[in-house]
């Protein structure tokens, strides 16, 4: 199923339950020119996603920024909309 750009600018609303510290794996996929990310979900097994280079870059950049923010603002961030499982 293809993802159009409008789906990239929305996110689930309400209280979201998240899996804490899931196992994951990533590698480059040459035939499709992108990054494969596999995440282990306790109920659904290994979920596999393929990100084109630009999407992988955006995801990596966002995670680095958020990690830095977590360290800088420890204890002072607003409440999350995500419930950690």
PDB file of N, CA and C in Angstrom:
ATOM      1  N   UNK A   1       0.842  -1.171   0.000  1.00  0.00           N
ATOM      2  CA  UNK A   1       0.000   0.000   0.000  1.00  0.00           C
ATOM      3  C   UNK A   1       0.892   1.241   0.000  1.00  0.00           C
ATOM      4  N   UNK A   2       0.662   2.122  -0.933  1.00  0.00           N
ATOM      5  CA  UNK A   2       1.456   3.343  -1.052  1.00  0.00           C
ATOM      6  C   UNK A   2       1.017   4.361  -0.007  1.00  0.00           C
ATOM      7  N   UNK A   3       1.956   5.163   0.449  1.00  0.00           N
ATOM      8  CA  UNK A   3       1.666   6.228   1.399  1.00  0.00           C
ATOM      9  C   UNK A   3       1.790   7.551   0.669  1.00  0.00           C
ATOM     10  N   UNK A   4       0.708   8.345   0.677  1.00  0.00           N
ATOM     11  CA  UNK A   4       0.824   9.658   0.049  1.00  0.00           C
ATOM     12  C   UNK A   4       1.343  10.660   1.074  1.00  0.00           C
ATOM     13  N   UNK A   5       1.723  11.844   0.602  1.00  0.00           N
ATOM     14  CA  UNK A   5       2.333  12.839   1.483  1.00  0.00           C
ATOM     15  C   UNK A   5       1.418  13.294   2.609  1.00  0.00           C
ATOM     16  N   UNK A   6       0.087  13.283   2.397  1.00  0.00           N
ATOM     17  CA  UNK A   6      -0.818  13.731   3.451  1.00  0.00           C
ATOM     18  C   UNK A   6      -0.730  12.816   4.670  1.00  0.00           C
ATOM     19  N   UNK A   7      -0.487  11.527   4.463  1.00  0.00           N
ATOM     20  CA  UNK A   7      -0.355  10.599   5.589  1.00  0.00           C
ATOM     21  C   UNK A   7       0.912  10.863   6.395  1.00  0.00           C
ATOM     22  N   UNK A   8       1.921  11.449   5.758  1.00  0.00           N
ATOM     23  CA  UNK A   8       3.167  11.738   6.457  1.00  0.00           C
ATOM     24  C   UNK A   8       3.025  12.927   7.404  1.00  0.00           C
ATOM     25  N   UNK A   9       1.994  13.740   7.209  1.00  0.00           N
ATOM     26  CA  UNK A   9       1.814  14.939   8.015  1.00  0.00           C
ATOM     27  C   UNK A   9       0.738  14.784   9.079  1.00  0.00           C
ATOM     28  N   UNK A  10       0.229  13.576   9.268  1.00  0.00           N
ATOM     29  CA  UNK A  10      -0.767  13.326  10.299  1.00  0.00           C
ATOM     30  C   UNK A  10      -0.212  12.293  11.272  1.00  0.00           C
ATOM     31  N   UNK A  11      -0.856  12.166  12.387  1.00  0.00           N
ATOM     32  CA  UNK A  11      -0.457  11.149  13.346  1.00  0.00           C
ATOM     33  C   UNK A  11      -1.667  10.695  14.121  1.00  0.00           C
ATOM     34  N   UNK A  12      -1.592   9.531  14.756  1.00  0.00           N
ATOM     35  CA  UNK A  12      -2.729   9.068  15.552  1.00  0.00           C
ATOM     36  C   UNK A  12      -3.054  10.070  16.658  1.00  0.00           C
ATOM     37  N   UNK A  13      -4.316  10.183  16.979  1.00  0.00           N
ATOM     38  CA  UNK A  13      -4.765  11.104  18.019  1.00  0.00           C
ATOM     39  C   UNK A  13      -5.196  10.314  19.251  1.00  0.00           C
ATOM     40  N   UNK A  14      -5.256  10.982  20.385  1.00  0.00           N
ATOM     41  CA  UNK A  14      -5.699  10.344  21.619  1.00  0.00           C
ATOM     42  C   UNK A  14      -4.547   9.688  22.354  1.00  0.00           C
ATOM     43  N   UNK A  15      -4.899   8.838  23.293  1.00  0.00           N
ATOM     44  CA  UNK A  15      -3.900   8.125  24.081  1.00  0.00           C
ATOM     45  C   UNK A  15      -3.393   6.940  23.259  1.00  0.00           C
ATOM     46  N   UNK A  16      -2.095   6.852  23.080  1.00  0.00           N
ATOM     47  CA  UNK A  16      -1.459   5.821  22.270  1.00  0.00           C
ATOM     48  C   UNK A  16      -0.606   4.956  23.190  1.00  0.00           C
ATOM     49  N   UNK A  17      -0.752   3.653  23.104  1.00  0.00           N
ATOM     50  CA  UNK A  17       0.057   2.745  23.915  1.00  0.00           C
ATOM     51  C   UNK A  17       1.298   2.362  23.120  1.00  0.00           C
ATOM     52  N   UNK A  18       2.461   2.523  23.711  1.00  0.00           N
ATOM     53  CA  UNK A  18       3.726   2.237  23.040  1.00  0.00           C
ATOM     54  C   UNK A  18       4.448   1.079  23.714  1.00  0.00           C
ATOM     55  N   UNK A  19       5.225   0.362  22.947  1.00  0.00           N
ATOM     56  CA  UNK A  19       6.064  -0.712  23.455  1.00  0.00           C
ATOM     57  C   UNK A  19       7.399  -0.095  23.855  1.00  0.00           C
ATOM     58  N   UNK A  20       7.823  -0.325  25.081  1.00  0.00           N
ATOM     59  CA  UNK A  20       9.076   0.236  25.566  1.00  0.00           C
ATOM     60  C   UNK A  20      10.265  -0.636  25.158  1.00  0.00           C
ATOM     61  N   UNK A  21      11.277  -0.032  24.583  1.00  0.00           N
ATOM     62  CA  UNK A  21      12.544  -0.661  24.212  1.00  0.00           C
ATOM     63  C   UNK A  21      12.373  -1.938  23.386  1.00  0.00           C
ATOM     64  N   UNK A  22      11.659  -1.852  22.253  1.00  0.00           N
ATOM     65  CA  UNK A  22      11.514  -3.057  21.431  1.00  0.00           C
ATOM     66  C   UNK A  22      12.846  -3.420  20.767  1.00  0.00           C
ATOM     67  N   UNK A  23      13.012  -4.703  20.472  1.00  0.00           N
ATOM     68  CA  UNK A  23      14.174  -5.120  19.681  1.00  0.00           C
ATOM     69  C   UNK A  23      14.007  -4.550  18.277  1.00  0.00           C
ATOM     70  N   UNK A  24      15.099  -4.181  17.634  1.00  0.00           N
ATOM     71  CA  UNK A  24      15.021  -3.636  16.286  1.00  0.00           C
ATOM     72  C   UNK A  24      16.279  -3.986  15.507  1.00  0.00           C
ATOM     73  N   UNK A  25      16.180  -3.855  14.197  1.00  0.00           N
ATOM     74  CA  UNK A  25      17.287  -4.130  13.296  1.00  0.00           C
ATOM     75  C   UNK A  25      17.136  -3.233  12.083  1.00  0.00           C
ATOM     76  N   UNK A  26      18.238  -2.797  11.510  1.00  0.00           N
ATOM     77  CA  UNK A  26      18.168  -1.969  10.307  1.00  0.00           C
ATOM     78  C   UNK A  26      19.284  -2.340   9.351  1.00  0.00           C
ATOM     79  N   UNK A  27      19.020  -2.213   8.070  1.00  0.00           N
ATOM     80  CA  UNK A  27      20.041  -2.459   7.051  1.00  0.00           C
ATOM     81  C   UNK A  27      19.651  -1.732   5.769  1.00  0.00           C
ATOM     82  N   UNK A  28      20.592  -1.626   4.860  1.00  0.00           N
ATOM     83  CA  UNK A  28      20.355  -0.998   3.558  1.00  0.00           C
ATOM     84  C   UNK A  28      19.824  -2.054   2.598  1.00  0.00           C
ATOM     85  N   UNK A  29      18.847  -1.682   1.796  1.00  0.00           N
ATOM     86  CA  UNK A  29      18.345  -2.578   0.770  1.00  0.00           C
ATOM     87  C   UNK A  29      18.709  -2.015  -0.598  1.00  0.00           C
ATOM     88  N   UNK A  30      19.702  -2.601  -1.223  1.00  0.00           N
ATOM     89  CA  UNK A  30      20.216  -2.101  -2.495  1.00  0.00           C
ATOM     90  C   UNK A  30      19.188  -2.143  -3.629  1.00  0.00           C
ATOM     91  N   UNK A  31      18.424  -3.239  -3.797  1.00  0.00           N
ATOM     92  CA  UNK A  31      17.508  -3.275  -4.945  1.00  0.00           C
ATOM     93  C   UNK A  31      16.458  -2.165  -4.918  1.00  0.00           C
ATOM     94  N   UNK A  32      16.065  -1.745  -3.739  1.00  0.00           N
ATOM     95  CA  UNK A  32      15.043  -0.696  -3.616  1.00  0.00           C
ATOM     96  C   UNK A  32      15.625   0.657  -3.238  1.00  0.00           C
ATOM     97  N   UNK A  33      16.939   0.719  -3.024  1.00  0.00           N
ATOM     98  CA  UNK A  33      17.606   1.967  -2.669  1.00  0.00           C
ATOM     99  C   UNK A  33      16.965   2.631  -1.456  1.00  0.00           C
ATOM    100  N   UNK A  34      16.995   1.944  -0.338  1.00  0.00           N
ATOM    101  CA  UNK A  34      16.424   2.490   0.871  1.00  0.00           C
ATOM    102  C   UNK A  34      16.931   1.765   2.097  1.00  0.00           C
ATOM    103  N   UNK A  35      16.336   2.085   3.222  1.00  0.00           N
ATOM    104  CA  UNK A  35      16.691   1.466   4.498  1.00  0.00           C
ATOM    105  C   UNK A  35      15.540   0.603   4.977  1.00  0.00           C
ATOM    106  N   UNK A  36      15.864  -0.610   5.393  1.00  0.00           N
ATOM    107  CA  UNK A  36      14.876  -1.498   5.983  1.00  0.00           C
ATOM    108  C   UNK A  36      15.017  -1.389   7.492  1.00  0.00           C
ATOM    109  N   UNK A  37      13.888  -1.190   8.172  1.00  0.00           N
ATOM    110  CA  UNK A  37      13.851  -1.154   9.627  1.00  0.00           C
ATOM    111  C   UNK A  37      12.881  -2.236  10.074  1.00  0.00           C
ATOM    112  N   UNK A  38      13.362  -3.119  10.949  1.00  0.00           N
ATOM    113  CA  UNK A  38      12.523  -4.167  11.505  1.00  0.00           C
ATOM    114  C   UNK A  38      12.392  -3.921  13.004  1.00  0.00           C
ATOM    115  N   UNK A  39      11.155  -3.969  13.501  1.00  0.00           N
ATOM    116  CA  UNK A  39      10.876  -3.732  14.914  1.00  0.00           C
ATOM    117  C   UNK A  39      10.046  -4.900  15.427  1.00  0.00           C
ATOM    118  N   UNK A  40      10.454  -5.448  16.565  1.00  0.00           N
ATOM    119  CA  UNK A  40       9.755  -6.595  17.143  1.00  0.00           C
ATOM    120  C   UNK A  40       8.604  -6.121  18.024  1.00  0.00           C
ATOM    121  N   UNK A  41       7.378  -6.453  17.622  1.00  0.00           N
ATOM    122  CA  UNK A  41       6.188  -6.119  18.402  1.00  0.00           C
ATOM    123  C   UNK A  41       5.777  -7.381  19.170  1.00  0.00           C
ATOM    124  N   UNK A  42       5.495  -7.268  20.473  1.00  0.00           N
ATOM    125  CA  UNK A  42       5.199  -8.470  21.259  1.00  0.00           C
ATOM    126  C   UNK A  42       3.970  -9.245  20.786  1.00  0.00           C
ATOM    127  N   UNK A  43       3.008  -8.576  20.173  1.00  0.00           N
ATOM    128  CA  UNK A  43       1.792  -9.258  19.712  1.00  0.00           C
ATOM    129  C   UNK A  43       1.814  -9.619  18.227  1.00  0.00           C
ATOM    130  N   UNK A  44       2.582  -8.886  17.440  1.00  0.00           N
ATOM    131  CA  UNK A  44       2.538  -9.048  15.980  1.00  0.00           C
ATOM    132  C   UNK A  44       3.833  -9.584  15.373  1.00  0.00           C
ATOM    133  N   UNK A  45       4.835  -9.834  16.187  1.00  0.00           N
ATOM    134  CA  UNK A  45       6.110 -10.333  15.665  1.00  0.00           C
ATOM    135  C   UNK A  45       6.915  -9.218  14.998  1.00  0.00           C
ATOM    136  N   UNK A  46       7.795  -9.616  14.099  1.00  0.00           N
ATOM    137  CA  UNK A  46       8.670  -8.649  13.424  1.00  0.00           C
ATOM    138  C   UNK A  46       7.876  -7.861  12.385  1.00  0.00           C
ATOM    139  N   UNK A  47       7.868  -6.551  12.516  1.00  0.00           N
ATOM    140  CA  UNK A  47       7.247  -5.648  11.547  1.00  0.00           C
ATOM    141  C   UNK A  47       8.370  -5.034  10.732  1.00  0.00           C
ATOM    142  N   UNK A  48       8.244  -5.058   9.425  1.00  0.00           N
ATOM    143  CA  UNK A  48       9.320  -4.588   8.547  1.00  0.00           C
ATOM    144  C   UNK A  48       8.846  -3.392   7.745  1.00  0.00           C
ATOM    145  N   UNK A  49       9.675  -2.339   7.732  1.00  0.00           N
ATOM    146  CA  UNK A  49       9.371  -1.112   7.005  1.00  0.00           C
ATOM    147  C   UNK A  49      10.542  -0.773   6.097  1.00  0.00           C
ATOM    148  N   UNK A  50      10.253  -0.271   4.896  1.00  0.00           N
ATOM    149  CA  UNK A  50      11.302   0.176   3.978  1.00  0.00           C
ATOM    150  C   UNK A  50      11.131   1.676   3.787  1.00  0.00           C
ATOM    151  N   UNK A  51      12.189   2.427   4.093  1.00  0.00           N
ATOM    152  CA  UNK A  51      12.173   3.871   3.963  1.00  0.00           C
ATOM    153  C   UNK A  51      13.078   4.292   2.812  1.00  0.00           C
ATOM    154  N   UNK A  52      12.561   5.063   1.850  1.00  0.00           N
ATOM    155  CA  UNK A  52      13.437   5.641   0.827  1.00  0.00           C
ATOM    156  C   UNK A  52      14.461   6.554   1.516  1.00  0.00           C
ATOM    157  N   UNK A  53      15.580   6.842   0.873  1.00  0.00           N
ATOM    158  CA  UNK A  53      16.645   7.613   1.519  1.00  0.00           C
ATOM    159  C   UNK A  53      16.176   8.908   2.190  1.00  0.00           C
ATOM    160  N   UNK A  54      15.321   9.686   1.554  1.00  0.00           N
ATOM    161  CA  UNK A  54      14.889  10.966   2.131  1.00  0.00           C
ATOM    162  C   UNK A  54      14.069  10.739   3.407  1.00  0.00           C
ATOM    163  N   UNK A  55      13.197   9.724   3.385  1.00  0.00           N
ATOM    164  CA  UNK A  55      12.401   9.411   4.583  1.00  0.00           C
ATOM    165  C   UNK A  55      13.297   8.899   5.712  1.00  0.00           C
ATOM    166  N   UNK A  56      14.271   8.059   5.374  1.00  0.00           N
ATOM    167  CA  UNK A  56      15.206   7.546   6.384  1.00  0.00           C
ATOM    168  C   UNK A  56      15.992   8.704   7.000  1.00  0.00           C
ATOM    169  N   UNK A  57      16.384   9.652   6.175  1.00  0.00           N
ATOM    170  CA  UNK A  57      17.120  10.826   6.664  1.00  0.00           C
ATOM    171  C   UNK A  57      16.254  11.636   7.623  1.00  0.00           C
ATOM    172  N   UNK A  58      14.991  11.858   7.275  1.00  0.00           N
ATOM    173  CA  UNK A  58      14.072  12.620   8.137  1.00  0.00           C
ATOM    174  C   UNK A  58      13.850  11.908   9.466  1.00  0.00           C
ATOM    175  N   UNK A  59      13.657  10.584   9.416  1.00  0.00           N
ATOM    176  CA  UNK A  59      13.447   9.816  10.637  1.00  0.00           C
ATOM    177  C   UNK A  59      14.682   9.860  11.534  1.00  0.00           C
ATOM    178  N   UNK A  60      15.848   9.620  10.950  1.00  0.00           N
ATOM    179  CA  UNK A  60      17.091   9.657  11.716  1.00  0.00           C
ATOM    180  C   UNK A  60      17.336  11.022  12.342  1.00  0.00           C
ATOM    181  N   UNK A  61      17.107  12.068  11.577  1.00  0.00           N
ATOM    182  CA  UNK A  61      17.304  13.430  12.072  1.00  0.00           C
ATOM    183  C   UNK A  61      16.340  13.725  13.226  1.00  0.00           C
ATOM    184  N   UNK A  62      15.073  13.320  13.078  1.00  0.00           N
ATOM    185  CA  UNK A  62      14.082  13.562  14.129  1.00  0.00           C
ATOM    186  C   UNK A  62      14.453  12.837  15.419  1.00  0.00           C
ATOM    187  N   UNK A  63      14.919  11.589  15.299  1.00  0.00           N
ATOM    188  CA  UNK A  63      15.295  10.827  16.487  1.00  0.00           C
ATOM    189  C   UNK A  63      16.510  11.440  17.190  1.00  0.00           C
ATOM    190  N   UNK A  64      17.479  11.899  16.430  1.00  0.00           N
ATOM    191  CA  UNK A  64      18.661  12.550  17.027  1.00  0.00           C
ATOM    192  C   UNK A  64      18.247  13.828  17.745  1.00  0.00           C
ATOM    193  N   UNK A  65      17.393  14.631  17.126  1.00  0.00           N
ATOM    194  CA  UNK A  65      16.928  15.869  17.763  1.00  0.00           C
ATOM    195  C   UNK A  65      16.158  15.576  19.048  1.00  0.00           C
ATOM    196  N   UNK A  66      15.266  14.571  19.003  1.00  0.00           N
ATOM    197  CA  UNK A  66      14.486  14.245  20.192  1.00  0.00           C
ATOM    198  C   UNK A  66      15.361  13.698  21.308  1.00  0.00           C
ATOM    199  N   UNK A  67      16.353  12.890  20.972  1.00  0.00           N
ATOM    200  CA  UNK A  67      17.259  12.361  21.994  1.00  0.00           C
ATOM    201  C   UNK A  67      18.003  13.500  22.684  1.00  0.00           C
ATOM    202  N   UNK A  68      18.487  14.457  21.905  1.00  0.00           N
ATOM    203  CA  UNK A  68      19.198  15.606  22.476  1.00  0.00           C
ATOM    204  C   UNK A  68      18.263  16.417  23.371  1.00  0.00           C
ATOM    205  N   UNK A  69      17.027  16.601  22.929  1.00  0.00           N
ATOM    206  CA  UNK A  69      16.052  17.359  23.708  1.00  0.00           C
ATOM    207  C   UNK A  69      15.745  16.656  25.022  1.00  0.00           C
ATOM    208  N   UNK A  70      15.638  15.331  24.985  1.00  0.00           N
ATOM    209  CA  UNK A  70      15.376  14.570  26.214  1.00  0.00           C
ATOM    210  C   UNK A  70      16.471  14.791  27.246  1.00  0.00           C
ATOM    211  N   UNK A  71      17.728  14.828  26.790  1.00  0.00           N
ATOM    212  CA  UNK A  71      18.839  15.050  27.717  1.00  0.00           C
ATOM    213  C   UNK A  71      18.860  16.486  28.213  1.00  0.00           C
ATOM    214  N   UNK A  72      18.599  17.449  27.329  1.00  0.00           N
ATOM    215  CA  UNK A  72      18.642  18.863  27.698  1.00  0.00           C
ATOM    216  C   UNK A  72      17.507  19.271  28.624  1.00  0.00           C
ATOM    217  N   UNK A  73      16.346  18.700  28.427  1.00  0.00           N
ATOM    218  CA  UNK A  73      15.151  19.130  29.150  1.00  0.00           C
ATOM    219  C   UNK A  73      14.657  18.083  30.152  1.00  0.00           C
ATOM    220  N   UNK A  74      15.552  17.260  30.624  1.00  0.00           N
ATOM    221  CA  UNK A  74      15.195  16.171  31.522  1.00  0.00           C
ATOM    222  C   UNK A  74      14.300  16.656  32.655  1.00  0.00           C
ATOM    223  N   UNK A  75      13.116  16.074  32.769  1.00  0.00           N
ATOM    224  CA  UNK A  75      12.188  16.418  33.828  1.00  0.00           C
ATOM    225  C   UNK A  75      11.314  17.636  33.570  1.00  0.00           C
ATOM    226  N   UNK A  76      11.544  18.359  32.457  1.00  0.00           N
ATOM    227  CA  UNK A  76      10.766  19.572  32.223  1.00  0.00           C
ATOM    228  C   UNK A  76       9.957  19.527  30.928  1.00  0.00           C
ATOM    229  N   UNK A  77       9.906  18.363  30.276  1.00  0.00           N
ATOM    230  CA  UNK A  77       9.119  18.250  29.061  1.00  0.00           C
ATOM    231  C   UNK A  77       7.642  18.129  29.388  1.00  0.00           C
ATOM    232  N   UNK A  78       6.762  18.626  28.499  1.00  0.00           N
ATOM    233  CA  UNK A  78       5.336  18.493  28.758  1.00  0.00           C
ATOM    234  C   UNK A  78       4.920  17.014  28.746  1.00  0.00           C
ATOM    235  N   UNK A  79       3.774  16.699  29.353  1.00  0.00           N
ATOM    236  CA  UNK A  79       3.316  15.308  29.377  1.00  0.00           C
ATOM    237  C   UNK A  79       3.149  14.749  27.959  1.00  0.00           C
ATOM    238  N   UNK A  80       3.474  13.501  27.788  1.00  0.00           N
ATOM    239  CA  UNK A  80       3.361  12.842  26.499  1.00  0.00           C
ATOM    240  C   UNK A  80       1.937  12.387  26.252  1.00  0.00           C
ATOM    241  N   UNK A  81       1.596  12.226  24.983  1.00  0.00           N
ATOM    242  CA  UNK A  81       0.285  11.669  24.635  1.00  0.00           C
ATOM    243  C   UNK A  81       0.382  10.145  24.509  1.00  0.00           C
ATOM    244  N   UNK A  82       1.563   9.595  24.781  1.00  0.00           N
ATOM    245  CA  UNK A  82       1.796   8.161  24.622  1.00  0.00           C
ATOM    246  C   UNK A  82       1.912   7.491  25.989  1.00  0.00           C
ATOM    247  N   UNK A  83       1.211   6.386  26.151  1.00  0.00           N
ATOM    248  CA  UNK A  83       1.331   5.566  27.362  1.00  0.00           C
ATOM    249  C   UNK A  83       2.325   4.471  27.076  1.00  0.00           C
ATOM    250  N   UNK A  84       3.359   4.342  27.895  1.00  0.00           N
ATOM    251  CA  UNK A  84       4.381   3.334  27.683  1.00  0.00           C
ATOM    252  C   UNK A  84       3.936   2.031  28.305  1.00  0.00           C
ATOM    253  N   UNK A  85       3.984   0.972  27.507  1.00  0.00           N
ATOM    254  CA  UNK A  85       3.543  -0.350  27.938  1.00  0.00           C
ATOM    255  C   UNK A  85       4.653  -1.078  28.659  1.00  0.00           C
TER     256      UNK A  85
END
